[in-house]
Amino acid sequence: MASLTPTPSSPAKPTKPKPSHPPVSVLPSQFARVYALAHPALLLSLVAYRFNSVVNDPVAELLGDIPFLVGLQVVFVMGCLPPAGATTSEQKDAASSGTESSKKVPGPRRRGHPGKGTSGSGFSTGLVLVAWKLMPALLSLTLTILLATPILSLLLVLFGAPLTTHHALTFLCGAHMALLSVFPLIYVHGVDGAVWREIWGAARPVDGLWGGSLGTALGAWFGAVPVPLDWDRPWQAYPITILTGAYIGYCVGMLGGRVNGVFGKRIEFAPSQEEQGARVDVKVD
């Protein structure tokens, strides 16, 4: 006679893998703190100011908006975020103490940044610091255009964008979304595979960058709702509402990811029975 008897098991509880990088904080300088708050307002102002023009001529206006978006994003990443390869000490300083540390600036010093005891002038020091941040910004921008934009354009098609028409609009929509969501992530994390697996697996600690990327995706998803509705409004045309939702979602996610109580948290999924250690043994009499 066979009976199923639940047998308690006592395996060691699986420990959650620690993230390879801590959540990214805005740099502790005064400019970074001020511009990090002003940046979402500037992006939404750009959307509002150009909205009617986008409705009237979407291809030309979305193409013309890209230089403005690139400029705002470059200022944001260079002025407010630590570049890839020099994130560890700067992120820990910003996340733990909240004060700028003059002792830990490993990135610029490794690349010839003049420190104490050097004879470099303040102007040359500033040029070195700008160059140190400009190079990863340009590399991140190149990867965003060459890799992220085509991938997001393909995802738009897979989620219902026109396949045989509106190719320019799909590509421009993907470019705007890539510059919003992917460009800052590449600037900070580079091509670290462990971090990108956490990003795609929703296992990253919440910060403004990951929150902005998630907000871009959710905003674009909700922004697609008005497109098929029979309202006969010119602003319903593809991809105006999708891109507007992406901008709004990015700004909300970026600000929300920095809120106390949210920053540094991770999305928790319900554990399975195997993770809880529950086991059912079959006994045969």
Protein backbone atom coordinates (compact mmCIF):
# COMPACT_ATOMS: atom_id res chain seq x y z
CA MET A 1 0.00 0.00 0.00
CA ALA A 2 1.40 3.32 -1.08
CA SER A 3 0.94 6.48 0.90
CA LEU A 4 2.13 10.00 0.47
CA THR A 5 3.69 11.32 3.62
CA PRO A 6 4.99 14.88 3.74
CA THR A 7 8.41 14.77 5.29
CA PRO A 8 9.92 17.98 6.62
CA SER A 9 13.32 18.63 5.27
CA SER A 10 16.00 20.79 6.65
CA PRO A 11 18.28 21.77 3.80
CA ALA A 12 20.23 24.95 4.14
CA LYS A 13 18.20 27.91 2.99
CA PRO A 14 19.50 29.11 -0.36
CA THR A 15 21.17 32.44 0.02
CA LYS A 16 20.28 35.15 -2.43
CA PRO A 17 23.17 36.05 -4.69
CA LYS A 18 24.54 39.42 -3.87
CA PRO A 19 24.42 41.95 -6.69
CA SER A 20 27.75 42.48 -8.38
CA HIS A 21 27.33 46.23 -8.06
CA PRO A 22 25.52 48.33 -5.45
CA PRO A 23 22.63 50.57 -6.46
CA VAL A 24 23.83 53.68 -8.26
CA SER A 25 23.51 56.94 -6.39
CA VAL A 26 23.74 60.41 -7.85
CA LEU A 27 27.15 61.92 -7.27
CA PRO A 28 27.32 64.05 -4.13
CA SER A 29 28.30 67.31 -5.84
CA GLN A 30 25.90 70.25 -5.68
CA PHE A 31 25.48 70.35 -9.46
CA ALA A 32 24.63 66.64 -9.59
CA ARG A 33 21.97 66.92 -6.90
CA VAL A 34 20.34 69.94 -8.51
CA TYR A 35 20.48 68.73 -12.11
CA ALA A 36 19.27 65.23 -11.20
CA LEU A 37 16.01 66.88 -10.10
CA ALA A 38 15.87 69.33 -13.00
CA HIS A 39 16.60 66.71 -15.66
CA PRO A 40 13.14 65.05 -15.66
CA ALA A 41 11.49 68.48 -15.79
CA LEU A 42 13.60 69.44 -18.82
CA LEU A 43 12.73 66.19 -20.61
CA LEU A 44 9.00 66.63 -20.00
CA SER A 45 9.24 70.27 -21.07
CA LEU A 46 10.81 69.13 -24.34
CA VAL A 47 7.95 66.68 -24.87
CA ALA A 48 5.30 69.31 -24.13
CA TYR A 49 6.94 72.00 -26.24
CA ARG A 50 7.37 69.78 -29.31
CA PHE A 51 4.19 67.74 -28.95
CA ASN A 52 2.10 69.61 -31.55
CA SER A 53 4.99 69.57 -34.01
CA VAL A 54 5.38 65.82 -33.53
CA VAL A 55 1.67 65.32 -34.21
CA ASN A 56 1.90 67.34 -37.45
CA ASP A 57 5.14 65.85 -38.78
CA PRO A 58 6.30 62.95 -36.58
CA VAL A 59 9.28 61.73 -38.62
CA ALA A 60 10.95 65.12 -39.03
CA GLU A 61 10.27 66.22 -35.45
CA LEU A 62 11.33 63.00 -33.77
CA LEU A 63 14.54 63.10 -35.79
CA GLY A 64 15.06 66.75 -34.87
CA ASP A 65 14.49 66.02 -31.17
CA ILE A 66 17.30 63.47 -30.97
CA PRO A 67 20.14 66.05 -30.68
CA PHE A 68 18.31 67.76 -27.80
CA LEU A 69 17.72 64.41 -26.09
CA VAL A 70 21.35 63.38 -26.58
CA GLY A 71 22.56 66.68 -25.14
CA LEU A 72 20.36 66.42 -22.05
CA GLN A 73 21.30 62.79 -21.44
CA VAL A 74 25.03 63.44 -21.90
CA VAL A 75 24.93 66.30 -19.40
CA PHE A 76 23.01 64.07 -16.99
CA VAL A 77 25.37 61.10 -17.12
CA MET A 78 28.57 63.15 -17.10
CA GLY A 79 27.44 65.50 -14.38
CA CYS A 80 25.46 63.17 -12.13
CA LEU A 81 26.73 59.60 -12.53
CA PRO A 82 30.04 57.74 -12.08
CA PRO A 83 31.33 56.17 -15.31
CA ALA A 84 31.96 52.46 -15.73
CA GLY A 85 35.25 51.32 -14.28
CA ALA A 86 35.26 53.84 -11.45
CA THR A 87 31.92 53.15 -9.82
CA THR A 88 32.87 51.26 -6.69
CA SER A 89 34.25 53.94 -4.38
CA GLU A 90 32.12 56.78 -5.72
CA GLN A 91 28.89 54.79 -5.38
CA LYS A 92 29.77 53.69 -1.85
CA ASP A 93 30.61 57.24 -0.84
CA ALA A 94 27.36 58.61 -2.26
CA ALA A 95 25.20 55.78 -0.93
CA SER A 96 26.62 55.58 2.58
CA SER A 97 27.92 58.97 3.62
CA GLY A 98 26.13 61.27 1.21
CA THR A 99 29.16 63.58 1.24
CA GLU A 100 31.76 64.11 -1.42
CA SER A 101 35.06 62.44 -0.65
CA SER A 102 38.22 64.05 -1.89
CA LYS A 103 40.34 61.03 -0.99
CA LYS A 104 38.70 58.47 -3.24
CA VAL A 105 38.78 59.45 -6.87
CA PRO A 106 40.41 56.34 -8.30
CA GLY A 107 39.21 56.62 -11.88
CA PRO A 108 40.65 60.01 -12.87
CA ARG A 109 43.87 59.41 -10.93
CA ARG A 110 44.47 56.12 -12.73
CA ARG A 111 44.15 57.98 -15.99
CA GLY A 112 46.49 60.79 -15.09
CA HIS A 113 44.13 62.96 -13.07
CA PRO A 114 46.35 65.43 -11.17
CA GLY A 115 45.98 65.01 -7.44
CA LYS A 116 47.71 66.52 -4.44
CA GLY A 117 51.28 67.48 -5.01
CA THR A 118 50.93 67.84 -8.78
CA SER A 119 51.65 71.01 -10.68
CA GLY A 120 48.65 70.88 -13.01
CA SER A 121 46.51 73.98 -13.15
CA GLY A 122 42.84 74.01 -12.28
CA PHE A 123 41.94 74.46 -15.94
CA SER A 124 43.98 71.45 -17.08
CA THR A 125 42.56 69.41 -14.21
CA GLY A 126 39.06 70.27 -15.37
CA LEU A 127 39.91 69.27 -18.95
CA VAL A 128 41.26 65.92 -17.78
CA LEU A 129 38.12 65.29 -15.73
CA VAL A 130 35.85 66.20 -18.66
CA ALA A 131 37.84 63.98 -21.01
CA TRP A 132 37.72 61.13 -18.48
CA LYS A 133 33.93 61.29 -18.48
CA LEU A 134 33.43 62.24 -22.14
CA MET A 135 35.11 59.13 -23.56
CA PRO A 136 32.81 56.61 -21.81
CA ALA A 137 29.85 58.83 -22.70
CA LEU A 138 30.74 58.70 -26.40
CA LEU A 139 31.37 54.95 -26.26
CA SER A 140 28.05 54.41 -24.48
CA LEU A 141 26.28 56.57 -27.05
CA THR A 142 27.81 54.53 -29.88
CA LEU A 143 26.72 51.22 -28.33
CA THR A 144 23.25 52.64 -27.71
CA ILE A 145 22.83 53.64 -31.36
CA LEU A 146 24.40 50.54 -32.91
CA LEU A 147 23.01 47.85 -30.59
CA ALA A 148 20.22 49.04 -28.31
CA THR A 149 18.25 50.98 -30.94
CA PRO A 150 17.85 48.06 -33.40
CA ILE A 151 17.00 45.67 -30.55
CA LEU A 152 14.31 47.96 -29.16
CA SER A 153 12.95 48.59 -32.65
CA LEU A 154 12.63 44.83 -33.15
CA LEU A 155 10.90 44.51 -29.76
CA LEU A 156 8.43 47.21 -30.80
CA VAL A 157 7.56 45.15 -33.88
CA LEU A 158 7.19 42.00 -31.79
CA PHE A 159 4.82 43.86 -29.46
CA GLY A 160 2.59 45.00 -32.30
CA ALA A 161 4.25 47.83 -34.22
CA PRO A 162 3.61 47.78 -38.00
CA LEU A 163 5.87 45.29 -39.72
CA THR A 164 5.65 46.41 -43.35
CA THR A 165 5.09 50.16 -42.87
CA HIS A 166 6.19 53.03 -40.58
CA HIS A 167 9.77 51.77 -40.52
CA ALA A 168 11.24 55.23 -39.90
CA LEU A 169 8.84 55.89 -37.03
CA THR A 170 9.59 52.53 -35.43
CA PHE A 171 13.33 53.13 -35.64
CA LEU A 172 13.03 56.67 -34.24
CA CYS A 173 10.80 55.46 -31.42
CA GLY A 174 13.36 52.77 -30.60
CA ALA A 175 16.15 55.37 -30.69
CA HIS A 176 14.36 57.68 -28.24
CA MET A 177 13.61 54.80 -25.88
CA ALA A 178 17.20 53.52 -26.08
CA LEU A 179 18.64 56.96 -25.30
CA LEU A 180 16.31 57.25 -22.31
CA SER A 181 16.68 53.82 -20.79
CA VAL A 182 19.84 52.10 -22.07
CA PHE A 183 22.36 54.91 -22.52
CA PRO A 184 22.73 55.75 -18.78
CA LEU A 185 22.96 52.05 -17.89
CA ILE A 186 25.80 51.47 -20.36
CA TYR A 187 27.60 54.58 -19.11
CA VAL A 188 27.55 53.35 -15.51
CA HIS A 189 27.78 49.56 -15.90
CA GLY A 190 29.58 49.19 -19.21
CA VAL A 191 29.20 45.71 -20.67
CA ASP A 192 29.38 43.82 -17.36
CA GLY A 193 27.46 40.63 -18.09
CA ALA A 194 26.56 39.97 -14.45
CA VAL A 195 24.91 43.35 -14.07
CA TRP A 196 23.01 43.07 -17.34
CA ARG A 197 21.70 39.65 -16.32
CA GLU A 198 20.39 41.27 -13.13
CA ILE A 199 18.79 44.05 -15.18
CA TRP A 200 17.02 41.68 -17.57
CA GLY A 201 16.09 39.34 -14.73
CA ALA A 202 14.59 42.16 -12.61
CA ALA A 203 17.09 41.28 -9.88
CA ARG A 204 18.86 44.64 -9.66
CA PRO A 205 18.57 46.73 -6.51
CA VAL A 206 16.27 49.61 -7.36
CA ASP A 207 17.94 52.90 -8.22
CA GLY A 208 17.17 55.83 -10.47
CA LEU A 209 18.72 54.20 -13.55
CA TRP A 210 16.98 50.84 -13.30
CA GLY A 211 13.77 52.58 -12.25
CA GLY A 212 13.99 54.86 -15.28
CA SER A 213 14.49 51.91 -17.63
CA LEU A 214 11.59 50.00 -16.13
CA GLY A 215 9.46 53.14 -16.25
CA THR A 216 10.30 53.63 -19.93
CA ALA A 217 9.09 50.13 -20.78
CA LEU A 218 5.92 50.35 -18.69
CA GLY A 219 5.17 53.87 -19.90
CA ALA A 220 5.47 52.81 -23.54
CA TRP A 221 3.25 49.80 -22.86
CA PHE A 222 0.50 51.88 -21.29
CA GLY A 223 1.01 54.57 -23.90
CA ALA A 224 0.02 52.07 -26.60
CA VAL A 225 -3.51 51.79 -25.17
CA PRO A 226 -4.99 54.84 -27.00
CA VAL A 227 -3.58 53.86 -30.42
CA PRO A 228 -6.31 51.36 -31.44
CA LEU A 229 -9.20 53.27 -29.83
CA ASP A 230 -11.73 54.82 -32.20
CA TRP A 231 -11.41 58.42 -31.05
CA ASP A 232 -10.27 59.91 -34.39
CA ARG A 233 -7.71 62.17 -32.74
CA PRO A 234 -4.52 63.08 -34.60
CA TRP A 235 -2.36 62.48 -31.52
CA GLN A 236 -3.46 58.82 -31.47
CA ALA A 237 -1.26 58.07 -34.47
CA TYR A 238 1.58 55.61 -33.95
CA PRO A 239 3.95 56.10 -32.10
CA ILE A 240 3.07 59.44 -30.47
CA THR A 241 1.33 58.12 -27.35
CA ILE A 242 3.84 55.29 -26.99
CA LEU A 243 6.77 57.69 -26.94
CA THR A 244 4.97 60.17 -24.69
CA GLY A 245 4.27 57.36 -22.22
CA ALA A 246 7.92 56.30 -22.41
CA TYR A 247 9.11 59.80 -21.49
CA ILE A 248 6.64 60.11 -18.62
CA GLY A 249 7.46 56.60 -17.37
CA TYR A 250 11.19 57.30 -17.51
CA CYS A 251 10.87 60.47 -15.43
CA VAL A 252 8.57 58.85 -12.88
CA GLY A 253 10.76 55.75 -12.60
CA MET A 254 13.97 57.74 -12.30
CA LEU A 255 12.61 59.91 -9.49
CA GLY A 256 10.77 57.04 -7.81
CA GLY A 257 13.86 54.84 -7.79
CA ARG A 258 15.68 57.42 -5.66
CA VAL A 259 13.00 57.70 -2.98
CA ASN A 260 13.95 56.57 0.53
CA GLY A 261 12.40 53.19 1.22
CA VAL A 262 12.57 52.25 -2.47
CA PHE A 263 16.22 52.87 -3.26
CA GLY A 264 18.30 49.73 -2.83
CA LYS A 265 15.32 47.36 -2.60
CA ARG A 266 14.86 44.43 -4.92
CA ILE A 267 11.72 42.96 -6.42
CA GLU A 268 10.88 39.83 -4.44
CA PHE A 269 9.20 36.94 -6.21
CA ALA A 270 7.18 34.28 -4.35
CA PRO A 271 9.49 31.35 -3.52
CA SER A 272 8.68 27.97 -4.95
CA GLN A 273 8.18 24.84 -2.84
CA GLU A 274 11.68 23.67 -3.70
CA GLU A 275 13.13 26.92 -2.40
CA GLN A 276 11.16 26.53 0.82
CA GLY A 277 12.57 23.04 1.27
CA ALA A 278 9.19 21.28 1.16
CA ARG A 279 9.48 17.70 0.01
CA VAL A 280 7.05 14.86 -0.49
CA ASP A 281 8.43 11.34 -0.14
CA VAL A 282 6.64 8.29 -1.48
CA LYS A 283 6.65 5.34 0.89
CA VAL A 284 5.60 1.84 -0.23
CA ASP A 285 4.36 -0.61 2.38
